[in-house]
Structures are given as C-alpha cells and as structure tokens.
C-alpha cells in the first residue's frame, strides 16, 4: 500500500508513537501547529470522512475517545482542539482519515 499513514501505522516509516491500541495509532505531527500536536489515525484505511460509513461509527467514536485520553495524559486540562480535515478545501493533505489533537496554548477562533 502506498498510503503514508498506513506505512507509519505498520511501522515501515518511523514515527514518535504517543498512543496505540487495536483500533488506532497516534503519533506526533512532524510539523506541529501547537506545543501538543498529535495525529490519531484508525488502523483501518479510510480515505476521509466522505468515505466513512455507518458501519465505522464505533471506530470514529473510538478515535475521539482516544484523543481525549491522550489529552488527559498530556495535561491539557485547560483545553484543546480536535480537528478532522476533509478534502482539499478542508485542508486534508494525507488521504487517510485522522484526528488532529492540538493544545498547550490558547487556540483562537476562527482557525484560519
């Protein structure tokens, strides 16, 4: 498979692992936009939210709960942001669904 995140998840491309379980793998973003910037990706290859289906609803919920667990472990009690970019206009640059966990500084709105 040629998917960058699939290669990271399988271990053929090195990453700074933050969290992992049977459903997802989380790693530090190589271009962090905040002091804490973690990507939480499902082990199952899903291109984007536009490709997700009802059968993956439990997995999608699991990604959010994993991100919350990582936020607690990272000490983000003052707050954090979860982002899922979808499609080119949404800022998605890797065609593998993932949740951005951003925190460690005040995050302003709108995000840009």
Protein backbone atom coordinates (compact mmCIF):
# COMPACT_ATOMS: atom_id res chain seq x y z
CA UNK A 1 0.00 0.00 0.00
CA UNK A 2 1.30 3.46 -0.81
CA UNK A 3 -0.57 5.36 1.92
CA UNK A 4 1.86 7.33 4.09
CA UNK A 5 -0.15 6.83 7.29
CA UNK A 6 -0.66 3.11 6.62
CA UNK A 7 3.13 2.80 6.40
CA UNK A 8 3.55 4.72 9.65
CA UNK A 9 0.94 2.55 11.39
CA UNK A 10 2.56 -0.70 10.19
CA UNK A 11 5.98 0.58 11.30
CA UNK A 12 7.76 0.74 7.94
CA UNK A 13 8.12 4.53 8.38
CA UNK A 14 9.36 5.65 11.81
CA UNK A 15 7.19 7.88 13.97
CA UNK A 16 7.03 9.20 17.51
CA UNK A 17 4.27 6.97 18.87
CA UNK A 18 2.07 8.60 21.51
CA UNK A 19 -0.71 6.01 21.89
CA UNK A 20 -1.82 2.82 20.24
CA UNK A 21 -4.42 0.12 20.59
CA UNK A 22 -6.08 -2.44 18.34
CA UNK A 23 -8.15 0.22 16.54
CA UNK A 24 -5.90 3.27 16.25
CA UNK A 25 -2.38 4.62 16.28
CA UNK A 26 -1.45 8.12 17.48
CA UNK A 27 1.81 9.89 16.72
CA UNK A 28 3.37 13.34 16.94
CA UNK A 29 2.81 15.59 13.91
CA UNK A 30 6.12 16.32 12.16
CA UNK A 31 5.01 19.94 11.54
CA UNK A 32 3.34 20.82 14.87
CA UNK A 33 0.97 23.78 14.95
CA UNK A 34 0.80 23.85 18.76
CA UNK A 35 3.02 22.63 21.64
CA UNK A 36 0.94 19.43 21.58
CA UNK A 37 0.01 18.26 18.07
CA UNK A 38 -0.85 14.59 17.84
CA UNK A 39 -2.47 12.74 14.93
CA UNK A 40 -4.87 9.93 15.82
CA UNK A 41 -5.43 7.61 12.86
CA UNK A 42 -7.51 4.46 12.56
CA UNK A 43 -5.61 1.30 11.68
CA UNK A 44 -8.30 0.69 9.09
CA UNK A 45 -7.63 2.71 5.94
CA UNK A 46 -10.43 5.23 5.46
CA UNK A 47 -9.60 7.95 2.92
CA UNK A 48 -11.64 10.74 4.54
CA UNK A 49 -14.90 11.44 6.37
CA UNK A 50 -16.59 11.48 2.96
CA UNK A 51 -15.74 7.77 2.67
CA UNK A 52 -16.78 6.78 6.21
CA UNK A 53 -19.95 4.79 6.65
CA UNK A 54 -22.39 3.88 9.41
CA UNK A 55 -20.51 0.60 9.96
CA UNK A 56 -17.50 2.66 11.11
CA UNK A 57 -19.40 4.79 13.63
CA UNK A 58 -17.96 2.92 16.63
CA UNK A 59 -14.44 3.35 15.23
CA UNK A 60 -14.99 7.08 14.67
CA UNK A 61 -16.19 7.46 18.25
CA UNK A 62 -13.18 5.49 19.45
CA UNK A 63 -10.82 7.94 17.71
CA UNK A 64 -12.38 10.83 19.66
CA UNK A 65 -12.18 8.95 22.96
CA UNK A 66 -8.55 8.03 22.28
CA UNK A 67 -7.79 11.70 21.56
CA UNK A 68 -9.43 12.68 24.88
CA UNK A 69 -7.34 10.08 26.72
CA UNK A 70 -4.16 11.43 25.09
CA UNK A 71 -5.18 14.99 26.03
CA UNK A 72 -5.56 13.93 29.67
CA UNK A 73 -2.17 12.20 29.59
CA UNK A 74 -0.59 15.33 28.05
CA UNK A 75 -2.02 17.54 30.81
CA UNK A 76 -4.33 19.59 28.59
CA UNK A 77 -6.80 20.32 31.39
CA UNK A 78 -7.17 23.97 30.26
CA UNK A 79 -8.49 22.81 26.88
CA UNK A 80 -7.61 21.51 23.45
CA UNK A 81 -8.98 21.28 19.94
CA UNK A 82 -9.87 18.22 17.85
CA UNK A 83 -9.89 18.73 14.07
CA UNK A 84 -10.70 16.42 11.16
CA UNK A 85 -9.74 17.96 7.83
CA UNK A 86 -11.70 16.55 4.90
CA UNK A 87 -10.84 17.05 1.24
CA UNK A 88 -8.60 19.58 -0.44
CA UNK A 89 -10.67 22.64 0.54
CA UNK A 90 -10.81 21.32 4.12
CA UNK A 91 -7.02 21.20 4.34
CA UNK A 92 -6.58 17.41 4.17
CA UNK A 93 -3.07 16.64 2.89
CA UNK A 94 -2.88 12.88 3.56
CA UNK A 95 -5.61 10.61 2.21
CA UNK A 96 -6.07 8.66 5.43
CA UNK A 97 -8.66 9.94 7.90
CA UNK A 98 -7.10 11.26 11.10
CA UNK A 99 -7.94 13.47 14.06
CA UNK A 100 -5.62 16.34 14.97
CA UNK A 101 -5.27 16.90 18.71
CA UNK A 102 -3.94 20.43 19.30
CA UNK A 103 -3.25 22.02 22.67
CA UNK A 104 -0.78 23.56 25.03
CA UNK A 105 -1.54 27.16 24.05
CA UNK A 106 -4.66 29.29 23.57
CA UNK A 107 -6.33 28.38 20.26
CA UNK A 108 -8.22 31.23 18.67
CA UNK A 109 -11.36 31.19 16.52
CA UNK A 110 -11.81 31.19 13.62
CA UNK A 111 -8.86 28.91 12.98
CA UNK A 112 -7.81 30.41 9.65
